């Protein structure tokens, strides 16, 4: 028995998530898309917003190609009826009606998107909705499951010990940069190893999701803490005949401080003081040194004046 067409139909969202290179995406719930509050501000960023939204929700959308097919059928019917008319008045009336229909059809065609443009608008709209969905509770849960299964890849850094990566975007504006992968252990951002992900817009994941995922699931920070304390970083580094290279040398690990984490209470206090501004102690010491330099300059000026006299 032939299968029912409705059973063979695959929703647009499922088709999009199953495309090659779309492994990072999760299906957005239809209830989330149908809520107008979740779509606030997207109509100004997506061309043919209403048609793209209907496409995502599996509604029937008329395109320019469909309009051309309908117009071809109408023209064929009108020519067949015109051939049956023999009077000149009927011919003139039919010509005027055809001209009016052509003008109205051209204006309607100009307002309809073609299939390629509609597909691009639907993908853009779904990506922006996806960036908002994954910072909600059900979206975070779905992405956390992918993170736990290591579907986003592992950090290539040795000290991270295969820490799972998180997709992130450097900006929330679409069309600026492709997706990147963030490691919560070393706080570095990496380019996906496979070229299949290089055409995915980073705005489809946004700048908020990675930090929110780490804070919502404290076990991620615990995994990072275990990996940081697992290795003694002093045992590794460039060596010549068993001797470590000085950090001040041209080939030394001068960027090592970027990978360091504060451990003692004094280091944490110093880190907190230096995180947003220059420590007050340094400013005071610089002020004292500047005052001493000014006094020294005055003394030198007096000496020079006495010598000149």
Protein backbone atom coordinates (compact mmCIF):
# COMPACT_ATOMS: atom_id res chain seq x y z
CA UNK A 1 0.00 0.00 0.00
CA UNK A 2 1.27 3.50 -0.79
CA UNK A 3 2.33 5.54 2.21
CA UNK A 4 0.42 8.59 3.33
CA UNK A 5 2.03 11.86 2.05
CA UNK A 6 1.49 13.45 5.46
CA UNK A 7 3.53 10.71 7.11
CA UNK A 8 6.44 11.23 4.69
CA UNK A 9 6.46 14.99 5.21
CA UNK A 10 9.46 16.29 7.19
CA UNK A 11 9.07 19.66 9.00
CA UNK A 12 11.26 22.53 7.84
CA UNK A 13 13.05 22.81 11.21
CA UNK A 14 13.98 19.14 11.19
CA UNK A 15 15.26 19.40 7.62
CA UNK A 16 17.38 22.41 8.55
CA UNK A 17 18.95 20.73 11.58
CA UNK A 18 19.73 17.60 9.57
CA UNK A 19 21.59 19.45 6.81
CA UNK A 20 25.31 18.86 6.34
CA UNK A 21 27.28 21.06 8.73
CA UNK A 22 24.31 21.97 10.95
CA UNK A 23 25.30 19.65 13.80
CA UNK A 24 25.63 22.56 16.23
CA UNK A 25 21.94 23.54 15.96
CA UNK A 26 19.10 22.23 18.10
CA UNK A 27 15.45 22.16 17.00
CA UNK A 28 13.60 25.21 18.29
CA UNK A 29 10.20 24.47 19.80
CA UNK A 30 7.30 25.69 17.68
CA UNK A 31 5.66 27.26 20.75
CA UNK A 32 8.75 29.43 21.18
CA UNK A 33 8.56 30.65 17.58
CA UNK A 34 4.82 31.35 17.72
CA UNK A 35 5.31 33.67 20.71
CA UNK A 36 5.66 37.19 19.28
CA UNK A 37 7.58 38.35 22.34
CA UNK A 38 10.48 36.07 21.43
CA UNK A 39 10.65 37.59 17.94
CA UNK A 40 10.81 41.24 18.97
CA UNK A 41 13.05 43.28 16.68
CA UNK A 42 13.73 40.54 14.12
CA UNK A 43 11.39 41.94 11.46
CA UNK A 44 13.84 44.78 10.77
CA UNK A 45 16.80 42.41 10.32
CA UNK A 46 15.29 39.81 8.00
CA UNK A 47 13.98 40.59 4.48
CA UNK A 48 10.56 39.11 3.74
CA UNK A 49 10.15 38.47 7.43
CA UNK A 50 6.52 37.31 7.32
CA UNK A 51 7.09 34.89 4.43
CA UNK A 52 10.23 33.50 6.12
CA UNK A 53 8.33 32.96 9.37
CA UNK A 54 5.55 31.12 7.55
CA UNK A 55 8.17 28.94 5.85
CA UNK A 56 9.70 27.95 9.20
CA UNK A 57 6.25 27.12 10.57
CA UNK A 58 5.46 24.99 7.48
CA UNK A 59 2.76 27.28 6.13
CA UNK A 60 2.10 27.62 2.40
CA UNK A 61 3.98 30.62 0.97
CA UNK A 62 3.57 31.91 -2.58
CA UNK A 63 6.79 32.74 -4.42
CA UNK A 64 7.55 34.53 -7.68
CA UNK A 65 8.02 31.20 -9.45
CA UNK A 66 4.60 30.00 -8.33
CA UNK A 67 3.09 33.28 -9.49
CA UNK A 68 4.65 32.84 -12.94
CA UNK A 69 3.19 29.35 -13.26
CA UNK A 70 -0.27 30.61 -12.36
CA UNK A 71 0.08 33.49 -14.81
CA UNK A 72 1.01 31.07 -17.61
CA UNK A 73 -2.16 29.08 -17.00
CA UNK A 74 -4.27 32.23 -16.99
CA UNK A 75 -2.73 33.49 -20.23
CA UNK A 76 -3.42 30.14 -21.89
CA UNK A 77 -7.06 30.27 -20.86
CA UNK A 78 -7.47 33.87 -21.98
CA UNK A 79 -6.02 33.17 -25.44
CA UNK A 80 -8.35 30.20 -25.93
CA UNK A 81 -11.37 32.33 -25.07
CA UNK A 82 -10.16 35.15 -27.32
CA UNK A 83 -9.98 32.79 -30.31
CA UNK A 84 -13.70 32.02 -29.97
CA UNK A 85 -14.63 35.70 -30.18
CA UNK A 86 -14.98 37.07 -33.74
CA UNK A 87 -15.98 40.67 -33.18
CA UNK A 88 -13.43 43.47 -32.98
CA UNK A 89 -15.05 44.96 -29.89
CA UNK A 90 -14.57 41.80 -27.93
CA UNK A 91 -10.95 41.61 -29.07
CA UNK A 92 -10.27 45.20 -28.01
CA UNK A 93 -11.88 44.60 -24.62
CA UNK A 94 -9.90 41.41 -24.08
CA UNK A 95 -6.66 43.18 -25.00
CA UNK A 96 -7.37 45.96 -22.53
CA UNK A 97 -8.17 43.40 -19.85
CA UNK A 98 -4.95 41.52 -20.61
CA UNK A 99 -2.94 44.75 -20.31
CA UNK A 100 -4.54 45.51 -16.97
CA UNK A 101 -3.87 41.98 -15.77
CA UNK A 102 -0.24 42.20 -16.89
CA UNK A 103 0.31 45.46 -15.02
CA UNK A 104 -1.27 44.09 -11.83
CA UNK A 105 0.67 40.85 -12.19
CA UNK A 106 3.97 42.74 -12.51
CA UNK A 107 3.28 44.70 -9.33
CA UNK A 108 2.32 41.51 -7.48
CA UNK A 109 5.41 39.74 -8.78
CA UNK A 110 7.65 42.53 -7.52
CA UNK A 111 6.35 42.01 -3.98
CA UNK A 112 6.88 38.23 -3.98
CA UNK A 113 10.30 36.73 -3.17
CA UNK A 114 11.88 34.04 -5.28
CA UNK A 115 12.62 30.65 -3.78
CA UNK A 116 16.35 31.27 -3.28
CA UNK A 117 15.78 34.57 -1.47
CA UNK A 118 13.01 33.07 0.63
CA UNK A 119 15.24 30.13 1.65
CA UNK A 120 18.03 32.52 2.67
CA UNK A 121 15.64 34.69 4.69
CA UNK A 122 14.20 31.62 6.43
CA UNK A 123 17.68 30.39 7.40
CA UNK A 124 18.65 33.84 8.69
CA UNK A 125 15.46 34.17 10.72
CA UNK A 126 15.80 30.69 12.19
CA UNK A 127 19.42 31.36 13.15
CA UNK A 128 18.49 34.55 15.02
CA UNK A 129 15.62 32.76 16.74
CA UNK A 130 18.01 29.93 17.61
CA UNK A 131 20.38 32.38 19.32
CA UNK A 132 17.50 33.47 21.58
CA UNK A 133 16.19 29.98 22.17
CA UNK A 134 19.46 28.50 23.45
CA UNK A 135 19.61 31.04 26.30
CA UNK A 136 16.19 29.88 27.53
CA UNK A 137 15.80 26.96 29.94
CA UNK A 138 14.77 24.31 27.36
CA UNK A 139 17.41 25.56 24.91
CA UNK A 140 20.16 25.43 27.52
CA UNK A 141 19.14 21.88 28.44
CA UNK A 142 19.26 20.77 24.80
CA UNK A 143 22.67 22.38 24.21
CA UNK A 144 24.00 20.96 27.49
CA UNK A 145 23.15 17.49 26.24
CA UNK A 146 25.16 18.13 23.09
CA UNK A 147 28.02 19.50 25.21
CA UNK A 148 28.00 16.39 27.38
CA UNK A 149 28.12 14.14 24.31
CA UNK A 150 31.08 16.16 23.01
CA UNK A 151 29.33 17.02 19.75
CA UNK A 152 31.11 20.39 19.56
CA UNK A 153 34.63 18.94 19.77
CA UNK A 154 37.48 18.99 22.31
CA UNK A 155 40.06 21.63 23.13
CA UNK A 156 43.37 21.01 21.31
CA UNK A 157 45.44 22.43 24.20
CA UNK A 158 47.38 19.81 26.15
CA UNK A 159 46.68 21.18 29.65
CA UNK A 160 42.91 21.22 29.00
CA UNK A 161 42.97 17.41 28.75
CA UNK A 162 40.23 17.12 26.12
CA UNK A 163 37.84 19.68 27.65
CA UNK A 164 34.61 19.94 25.67
CA UNK A 165 34.12 23.10 23.62
CA UNK A 166 31.12 25.41 23.37
CA UNK A 167 30.00 27.23 20.17
CA UNK A 168 30.09 31.00 20.49
CA UNK A 169 29.82 34.08 18.32
CA UNK A 170 32.04 37.14 18.57
CA UNK A 171 29.08 39.43 17.81
CA UNK A 172 25.29 39.35 17.82
CA UNK A 173 25.07 41.05 14.42
CA UNK A 174 24.64 38.55 11.56
CA UNK A 175 27.06 38.54 8.67
CA UNK A 176 30.12 39.65 10.67
CA UNK A 177 31.99 36.45 11.59
CA UNK A 178 31.52 32.70 11.51
CA UNK A 179 31.02 30.50 14.55
CA UNK A 180 33.90 29.89 16.95
CA UNK A 181 34.45 27.35 19.75
CA UNK A 182 35.09 28.46 23.33
CA UNK A 183 37.01 26.42 25.90
CA UNK A 184 35.90 27.15 29.48
CA UNK A 185 39.14 25.69 30.83
CA UNK A 186 41.75 27.88 29.12
CA UNK A 187 39.31 30.68 28.12
CA UNK A 188 40.56 30.56 24.54
CA UNK A 189 38.54 30.64 21.32
CA UNK A 190 39.29 28.26 18.47
CA UNK A 191 38.22 27.88 14.85
CA UNK A 192 36.31 24.64 14.13
CA UNK A 193 38.63 21.97 12.80
CA UNK A 194 36.22 20.90 10.04
CA UNK A 195 35.48 23.20 7.11
CA UNK A 196 31.81 22.16 7.18
CA UNK A 197 31.20 24.65 10.01
CA UNK A 198 32.96 27.63 8.43
CA UNK A 199 29.79 28.87 6.72
CA UNK A 200 27.73 29.06 9.93
CA UNK A 201 27.17 32.57 11.21
CA UNK A 202 28.42 33.21 14.73
CA UNK A 203 25.36 35.38 15.46
CA UNK A 204 23.24 32.20 15.36
CA UNK A 205 24.78 31.33 18.77
CA UNK A 206 25.46 34.81 20.12
CA UNK A 207 27.85 36.13 22.72
CA UNK A 208 25.77 35.26 25.81
CA UNK A 209 25.21 31.54 25.47
CA UNK A 210 28.69 30.23 26.37
CA UNK A 211 28.99 32.16 29.64
CA UNK A 212 25.40 31.40 30.61
CA UNK A 213 25.90 27.68 30.01
CA UNK A 214 28.98 27.60 32.26
CA UNK A 215 27.19 29.45 35.06
CA UNK A 216 23.99 27.43 34.80
CA UNK A 217 25.85 24.12 35.07
CA UNK A 218 28.51 24.37 37.85
CA UNK A 219 29.88 20.93 37.01
CA UNK A 220 31.57 22.51 33.99
CA UNK A 221 33.62 24.76 36.25
CA UNK A 222 34.43 21.77 38.46
CA UNK A 223 35.76 19.89 35.44
CA UNK A 224 37.93 22.88 34.56
CA UNK A 225 39.24 23.14 38.12
CA UNK A 226 40.19 19.47 38.13
CA UNK A 227 42.08 19.83 34.87
CA UNK A 228 43.92 22.95 36.04
CA UNK A 229 45.11 21.28 39.25
CA UNK A 230 45.91 18.00 37.53
CA UNK A 231 49.11 19.18 35.85
CA UNK A 232 52.11 20.98 37.23
CA UNK A 233 52.84 23.51 34.54
CA UNK A 234 56.37 24.03 35.84
CA UNK A 235 57.30 20.57 34.58
CA UNK A 236 56.61 21.53 30.98
CA UNK A 237 58.10 24.09 28.63
CA UNK A 238 60.92 24.61 26.18
CA UNK A 239 64.22 23.14 27.34
CA UNK A 240 67.77 22.98 25.98
CA UNK A 241 69.80 20.02 27.23
CA UNK A 242 67.45 19.76 30.20
CA UNK A 243 67.63 23.46 31.14
CA UNK A 244 64.57 25.70 30.88
CA UNK A 245 64.73 28.72 28.61
CA UNK A 246 64.58 32.04 30.42
CA UNK A 247 61.31 33.88 29.96
CA UNK A 248 63.17 37.08 29.07
CA UNK A 249 64.94 35.47 26.13
CA UNK A 250 63.76 35.96 22.57
CA UNK A 251 62.52 32.36 22.32
CA UNK A 252 61.27 32.05 25.88
CA UNK A 253 57.65 31.55 26.93
CA UNK A 254 56.93 35.25 27.34
CA UNK A 255 53.18 34.74 26.85
CA UNK A 256 53.00 32.19 29.66
CA UNK A 257 51.26 34.64 31.95
CA UNK A 258 48.16 34.46 29.74
CA UNK A 259 47.62 30.84 30.82
CA UNK A 260 48.24 31.40 34.53
CA UNK A 261 45.44 31.25 37.10
CA UNK A 262 45.56 32.89 40.54
CA UNK A 263 45.88 30.29 43.29
CA UNK A 264 46.83 31.96 46.57
CA UNK A 265 44.74 34.57 48.33
CA UNK A 266 47.30 37.29 47.56
CA UNK A 267 47.27 36.43 43.87
CA UNK A 268 43.46 36.46 43.78
CA UNK A 269 43.38 39.84 45.54
CA UNK A 270 45.91 41.22 43.10
CA UNK A 271 43.89 39.84 40.20
CA UNK A 272 40.69 41.47 41.48
CA UNK A 273 42.46 44.81 41.89
CA UNK A 274 43.92 44.67 38.39
CA UNK A 275 40.85 43.35 36.61
CA UNK A 276 39.17 46.67 35.91
CA UNK A 277 41.67 49.38 36.87
CA UNK A 278 45.21 50.09 38.00
CA UNK A 279 45.76 49.27 41.70
CA UNK A 280 45.67 52.24 44.05
CA UNK A 281 49.07 51.32 45.52
CA UNK A 282 50.70 51.57 42.12
CA UNK A 283 49.09 54.95 41.51
CA UNK A 284 50.31 56.26 44.87
CA UNK A 285 53.80 54.92 44.28
CA UNK A 286 53.87 56.50 40.85
CA UNK A 287 52.72 59.80 42.37
CA UNK A 288 55.50 59.69 44.98
CA UNK A 289 58.08 58.89 42.32
CA UNK A 290 56.84 61.71 40.12
CA UNK A 291 57.05 64.15 43.03
CA UNK A 292 60.59 62.99 43.79
CA UNK A 293 61.48 63.38 40.13
CA UNK A 294 60.07 66.90 40.14
CA UNK A 295 62.12 67.81 43.21
CA UNK A 296 65.17 66.27 41.61
CA UNK A 297 64.57 68.30 38.49
CA UNK A 298 64.33 71.46 40.59
CA UNK A 299 67.60 70.62 42.30
CA UNK A 300 69.26 69.98 38.99
CA UNK A 301 67.93 73.26 37.67
CA UNK A 302 69.33 75.08 40.70
CA UNK A 303 72.69 73.46 40.19
CA UNK A 304 72.72 74.41 36.58
CA UNK A 305 71.73 77.97 37.50
CA UNK A 306 74.52 78.18 40.08
CA UNK A 307 77.02 76.79 37.62
CA UNK A 308 75.97 79.29 35.00
CA UNK A 309 76.26 82.13 37.47
